[in-house]
């Protein structure tokens, strides 16, 4: 039997970058806990590796392991999780989740709003933060700790900036984005009616150039993208007029998640618009 209307999915996803989007940078927080200035550390230890041709994420992970081996503070799982517990999210973030769930339910009760994080930041720090319990799925750079010494050894998983698209596609299809068959299996054909979340029911929020691939991906598939920046600093977004229009965002706002802020108004409107799309499709279910 064929129908004249689109498939109805009662679920939407709000996906965030983490570092400088929901909270200060996880890597900077860990380096600072080791008694080292993050800017100096990156200049002296990360940038030389990048100039040698290292991938940026791997360069940071390698330099972090070197810091643990040579510094006064050894980086262990306990230390990393302590950094996460002490990392304060931006203002309003803890209250944002239920506020937006309520917004979706006010449009239609038959809707599920899920929250995800896809970030190049340190998974082990993010997973220990007080907002982690609000997040339905979290992917980031995972660290491996030596079983004998308990000290940081090397990364288990890295999430590079272009790979964020793969993770988003996997979660929307309901597939696992990592494992022995990744990333190729993410591109397998999945019937529309079995997707976990349709791409045009996805909202993504990120802080700059590292999210451009996601912005373009969602633009082409009917999703929504929002840009954020810290305080009055919008350097990451300067020159945006020269960027491919398909990589631009629906709105750009400071990282203030308090009720009534521009960012919360933007997120609320985005959630409302997709909830209304879901409600419309629910009216035509089976027709």
Protein backbone atom coordinates (compact mmCIF):
# COMPACT_ATOMS: atom_id res chain seq x y z
CA UNK A 1 0.00 0.00 0.00
CA UNK A 2 1.30 3.45 -0.90
CA UNK A 3 0.36 6.70 0.75
CA UNK A 4 0.16 10.28 -0.46
CA UNK A 5 1.80 11.78 2.62
CA UNK A 6 5.28 11.68 4.19
CA UNK A 7 6.24 9.25 6.93
CA UNK A 8 5.55 10.47 10.44
CA UNK A 9 8.34 10.32 13.06
CA UNK A 10 7.52 11.56 16.54
CA UNK A 11 11.11 12.23 17.55
CA UNK A 12 13.48 15.15 17.11
CA UNK A 13 17.13 15.59 18.07
CA UNK A 14 18.97 18.64 19.37
CA UNK A 15 22.69 18.01 18.86
CA UNK A 16 25.41 20.16 20.41
CA UNK A 17 29.09 20.56 20.04
CA UNK A 18 30.41 20.76 23.63
CA UNK A 19 33.60 22.79 23.97
CA UNK A 20 32.79 26.52 23.83
CA UNK A 21 29.18 25.64 23.04
CA UNK A 22 27.78 24.19 26.27
CA UNK A 23 30.80 24.78 28.50
CA UNK A 24 34.44 25.95 28.47
CA UNK A 25 36.92 23.76 26.61
CA UNK A 26 37.47 20.32 28.15
CA UNK A 27 41.09 20.06 27.03
CA UNK A 28 41.95 23.52 28.37
CA UNK A 29 40.34 22.65 31.70
CA UNK A 30 42.43 19.48 32.01
CA UNK A 31 45.68 21.20 31.03
CA UNK A 32 44.96 23.99 33.47
CA UNK A 33 44.38 21.43 36.24
CA UNK A 34 47.90 20.16 35.52
CA UNK A 35 49.23 23.63 36.39
CA UNK A 36 49.98 24.66 32.80
CA UNK A 37 48.67 27.60 30.80
CA UNK A 38 46.68 26.13 27.86
CA UNK A 39 47.70 28.81 25.36
CA UNK A 40 51.40 28.40 26.12
CA UNK A 41 51.09 24.62 26.05
CA UNK A 42 49.41 24.64 22.63
CA UNK A 43 51.99 27.07 21.24
CA UNK A 44 54.97 25.11 22.50
CA UNK A 45 53.75 21.52 22.22
CA UNK A 46 50.78 21.22 19.88
CA UNK A 47 51.61 23.70 17.12
CA UNK A 48 55.04 22.14 16.37
CA UNK A 49 53.32 18.80 15.80
CA UNK A 50 50.73 20.37 13.52
CA UNK A 51 53.49 21.96 11.47
CA UNK A 52 54.97 18.48 11.04
CA UNK A 53 51.68 17.34 9.51
CA UNK A 54 49.95 15.82 12.54
CA UNK A 55 46.16 15.77 12.65
CA UNK A 56 45.09 18.45 15.15
CA UNK A 57 43.12 16.12 17.42
CA UNK A 58 45.90 13.52 17.51
CA UNK A 59 48.50 16.22 18.11
CA UNK A 60 46.60 17.44 21.17
CA UNK A 61 46.18 13.90 22.51
CA UNK A 62 49.86 13.08 22.03
CA UNK A 63 50.97 16.34 23.63
CA UNK A 64 48.59 15.64 26.53
CA UNK A 65 50.19 12.22 27.09
CA UNK A 66 53.63 13.84 26.99
CA UNK A 67 52.48 16.40 29.55
CA UNK A 68 51.39 13.62 31.88
CA UNK A 69 54.71 11.82 31.59
CA UNK A 70 56.85 14.91 32.06
CA UNK A 71 54.79 17.11 34.36
CA UNK A 72 54.33 17.22 38.11
CA UNK A 73 50.71 16.05 37.81
CA UNK A 74 49.99 12.63 36.33
CA UNK A 75 46.84 12.48 34.23
CA UNK A 76 44.73 9.58 35.47
CA UNK A 77 41.08 8.66 34.96
CA UNK A 78 40.28 9.93 38.44
CA UNK A 79 41.86 13.31 37.65
CA UNK A 80 40.05 13.59 34.32
CA UNK A 81 36.68 12.80 35.92
CA UNK A 82 37.39 15.29 38.69
CA UNK A 83 37.95 17.96 36.04
CA UNK A 84 34.59 17.05 34.52
CA UNK A 85 32.77 17.28 37.83
CA UNK A 86 34.28 20.72 38.44
CA UNK A 87 33.58 22.05 34.94
CA UNK A 88 30.70 24.52 35.09
CA UNK A 89 28.43 24.70 32.03
CA UNK A 90 27.48 28.10 30.66
CA UNK A 91 24.72 30.05 32.38
CA UNK A 92 21.30 28.52 31.96
CA UNK A 93 22.46 25.22 30.45
CA UNK A 94 21.24 22.95 33.31
CA UNK A 95 17.70 24.38 33.02
CA UNK A 96 17.65 24.40 29.22
CA UNK A 97 16.88 20.72 28.74
CA UNK A 98 13.54 20.56 30.54
CA UNK A 99 12.56 24.00 29.24
CA UNK A 100 12.91 22.82 25.64
CA UNK A 101 11.21 19.48 26.34
CA UNK A 102 8.28 21.46 27.71
CA UNK A 103 8.27 23.65 24.58
CA UNK A 104 7.99 20.57 22.36
CA UNK A 105 5.19 19.05 24.46
CA UNK A 106 3.21 22.29 24.33
CA UNK A 107 3.00 21.89 20.56
CA UNK A 108 2.13 18.18 20.63
CA UNK A 109 2.24 15.61 23.41
CA UNK A 110 3.23 12.89 20.96
CA UNK A 111 6.79 14.09 20.45
CA UNK A 112 10.14 13.13 21.93
CA UNK A 113 12.99 15.61 22.14
CA UNK A 114 16.40 13.97 22.56
CA UNK A 115 19.71 15.66 23.31
CA UNK A 116 23.08 14.60 21.93
CA UNK A 117 26.68 15.78 21.98
CA UNK A 118 29.05 15.20 19.06
CA UNK A 119 32.35 16.86 19.86
CA UNK A 120 36.09 16.66 19.38
CA UNK A 121 36.36 17.45 23.09
CA UNK A 122 37.40 14.94 25.74
CA UNK A 123 34.66 12.37 26.26
CA UNK A 124 35.92 11.40 29.72
CA UNK A 125 35.61 14.99 30.91
CA UNK A 126 32.22 15.60 29.29
CA UNK A 127 30.75 12.36 30.66
CA UNK A 128 31.64 13.41 34.21
CA UNK A 129 29.94 16.81 34.06
CA UNK A 130 26.70 17.44 35.91
CA UNK A 131 24.75 17.88 32.68
CA UNK A 132 25.79 14.48 31.25
CA UNK A 133 22.68 12.85 32.76
CA UNK A 134 20.51 15.06 30.54
CA UNK A 135 22.19 13.84 27.35
CA UNK A 136 20.85 10.81 25.47
CA UNK A 137 24.06 10.11 23.57
CA UNK A 138 27.57 11.54 23.81
CA UNK A 139 30.53 11.07 21.47
CA UNK A 140 33.97 12.61 21.80
CA UNK A 141 37.69 11.87 22.01
CA UNK A 142 38.07 8.92 24.40
CA UNK A 143 41.29 8.43 26.32
CA UNK A 144 43.05 5.15 27.13
CA UNK A 145 44.67 4.74 30.53
CA UNK A 146 47.49 2.27 31.16
CA UNK A 147 46.13 -0.66 33.17
CA UNK A 148 49.32 -0.94 35.23
CA UNK A 149 50.04 2.69 36.07
CA UNK A 150 46.57 4.16 35.61
CA UNK A 151 48.15 7.00 33.64
CA UNK A 152 47.00 8.45 30.32
CA UNK A 153 48.49 6.42 27.50
CA UNK A 154 46.86 7.46 24.19
CA UNK A 155 43.42 8.16 22.71
CA UNK A 156 41.10 5.22 22.04
CA UNK A 157 38.76 7.19 19.77
CA UNK A 158 39.10 10.59 18.13
CA UNK A 159 36.29 12.64 16.60
CA UNK A 160 37.71 14.92 13.95
CA UNK A 161 35.72 17.89 12.73
CA UNK A 162 34.59 16.37 9.39
CA UNK A 163 33.67 13.10 11.15
CA UNK A 164 30.90 14.83 13.06
CA UNK A 165 28.70 14.34 9.99
CA UNK A 166 29.23 10.57 10.18
CA UNK A 167 28.25 10.47 13.83
CA UNK A 168 25.11 12.48 13.20
CA UNK A 169 24.12 10.30 10.26
CA UNK A 170 24.65 7.18 12.38
CA UNK A 171 22.55 8.36 15.32
CA UNK A 172 19.77 9.49 12.98
CA UNK A 173 19.72 6.08 11.28
CA UNK A 174 19.90 4.32 14.64
CA UNK A 175 23.31 2.81 13.93
CA UNK A 176 26.47 2.61 16.03
CA UNK A 177 29.02 5.09 14.56
CA UNK A 178 32.08 3.26 15.93
CA UNK A 179 33.31 -0.32 15.85
CA UNK A 180 35.12 -2.64 13.42
CA UNK A 181 32.93 -1.79 10.42
CA UNK A 182 32.90 1.98 10.94
CA UNK A 183 32.62 4.23 9.10
CA UNK A 184 31.44 2.41 5.97
CA UNK A 185 28.42 0.72 7.59
CA UNK A 186 26.98 4.13 8.49
CA UNK A 187 26.17 4.65 4.83
CA UNK A 188 24.10 1.48 4.46
CA UNK A 189 20.58 1.92 3.20
CA UNK A 190 18.02 2.22 6.00
CA UNK A 191 14.29 2.49 5.14
CA UNK A 192 12.92 5.95 5.92
CA UNK A 193 10.28 4.66 8.31
CA UNK A 194 12.88 2.94 10.51
CA UNK A 195 15.19 5.93 11.02
CA UNK A 196 15.63 6.95 14.64
CA UNK A 197 15.34 10.65 13.74
CA UNK A 198 14.80 12.10 10.25
CA UNK A 199 17.49 14.61 9.29
CA UNK A 200 14.93 17.35 8.75
CA UNK A 201 13.98 16.97 12.44
CA UNK A 202 17.50 17.71 13.65
CA UNK A 203 18.81 20.93 15.22
CA UNK A 204 22.55 21.44 15.60
CA UNK A 205 24.36 24.09 17.65
CA UNK A 206 28.09 24.72 17.29
CA UNK A 207 30.67 27.40 17.87
CA UNK A 208 32.45 27.96 14.57
CA UNK A 209 34.58 26.68 11.74
CA UNK A 210 34.88 23.15 13.16
CA UNK A 211 31.14 22.74 12.57
CA UNK A 212 30.98 23.91 8.95
CA UNK A 213 30.68 20.37 7.55
CA UNK A 214 27.63 19.75 9.76
CA UNK A 215 26.06 23.08 8.80
CA UNK A 216 26.29 22.18 5.10
CA UNK A 217 25.07 18.62 5.69
CA UNK A 218 21.95 19.73 7.55
CA UNK A 219 21.27 22.63 5.17
CA UNK A 220 21.00 20.16 2.29
CA UNK A 221 18.69 17.87 4.25
CA UNK A 222 16.27 20.32 5.83
CA UNK A 223 17.71 20.46 9.35
CA UNK A 224 18.41 23.61 11.35
CA UNK A 225 21.78 25.00 12.49
CA UNK A 226 22.56 27.63 15.11
CA UNK A 227 25.89 29.30 15.81
CA UNK A 228 27.11 30.36 19.24
CA UNK A 229 29.99 32.44 20.54
CA UNK A 230 31.32 33.27 23.98
CA UNK A 231 30.38 36.65 25.46
CA UNK A 232 31.08 39.47 22.99
CA UNK A 233 33.75 37.53 21.14
CA UNK A 234 32.65 36.45 17.67
CA UNK A 235 36.06 36.11 15.97
CA UNK A 236 35.27 32.59 14.74
CA UNK A 237 32.41 34.00 12.71
CA UNK A 238 34.16 36.95 11.07
CA UNK A 239 34.39 36.62 7.32
CA UNK A 240 31.21 34.54 7.24
CA UNK A 241 30.04 36.61 4.30
CA UNK A 242 32.74 34.86 2.25
CA UNK A 243 31.57 31.37 3.24
CA UNK A 244 29.42 29.16 1.05
CA UNK A 245 25.82 30.23 1.86
CA UNK A 246 24.93 26.58 2.49
CA UNK A 247 27.36 26.56 5.42
CA UNK A 248 25.70 29.47 7.18
CA UNK A 249 23.46 29.21 10.24
CA UNK A 250 19.88 30.25 10.96
CA UNK A 251 21.01 32.52 13.81
CA UNK A 252 24.13 33.43 15.76
CA UNK A 253 23.95 34.24 19.48
CA UNK A 254 26.14 34.45 22.62
CA UNK A 255 26.42 31.38 24.86
CA UNK A 256 23.79 32.56 27.32
CA UNK A 257 21.17 29.85 27.89
CA UNK A 258 19.13 31.75 30.44
CA UNK A 259 15.41 32.10 29.83
CA UNK A 260 14.70 35.05 27.53
CA UNK A 261 18.22 35.25 26.06
CA UNK A 262 18.65 35.41 22.29
CA UNK A 263 20.09 31.90 22.22
CA UNK A 264 17.20 30.42 24.22
CA UNK A 265 14.71 32.24 22.03
CA UNK A 266 16.48 30.78 18.99
CA UNK A 267 16.49 27.24 20.40
CA UNK A 268 12.85 27.56 21.45
CA UNK A 269 11.78 28.70 17.97
CA UNK A 270 13.79 25.90 16.37
CA UNK A 271 12.19 23.27 18.63
CA UNK A 272 8.73 24.75 18.07
CA UNK A 273 9.14 24.73 14.29
CA UNK A 274 10.13 21.07 14.17
CA UNK A 275 7.47 20.08 16.72
CA UNK A 276 4.86 21.73 14.49
CA UNK A 277 6.23 19.83 11.49
CA UNK A 278 5.87 16.61 13.48
CA UNK A 279 2.32 17.54 14.54
CA UNK A 280 1.38 18.23 10.91
CA UNK A 281 2.76 14.89 9.76
CA UNK A 282 0.94 13.13 12.61
CA UNK A 283 -2.35 14.51 11.34
CA UNK A 284 -1.79 12.80 8.00
CA UNK A 285 -0.51 9.48 9.37
CA UNK A 286 -1.51 6.60 7.11
CA UNK A 287 -3.14 8.77 4.46
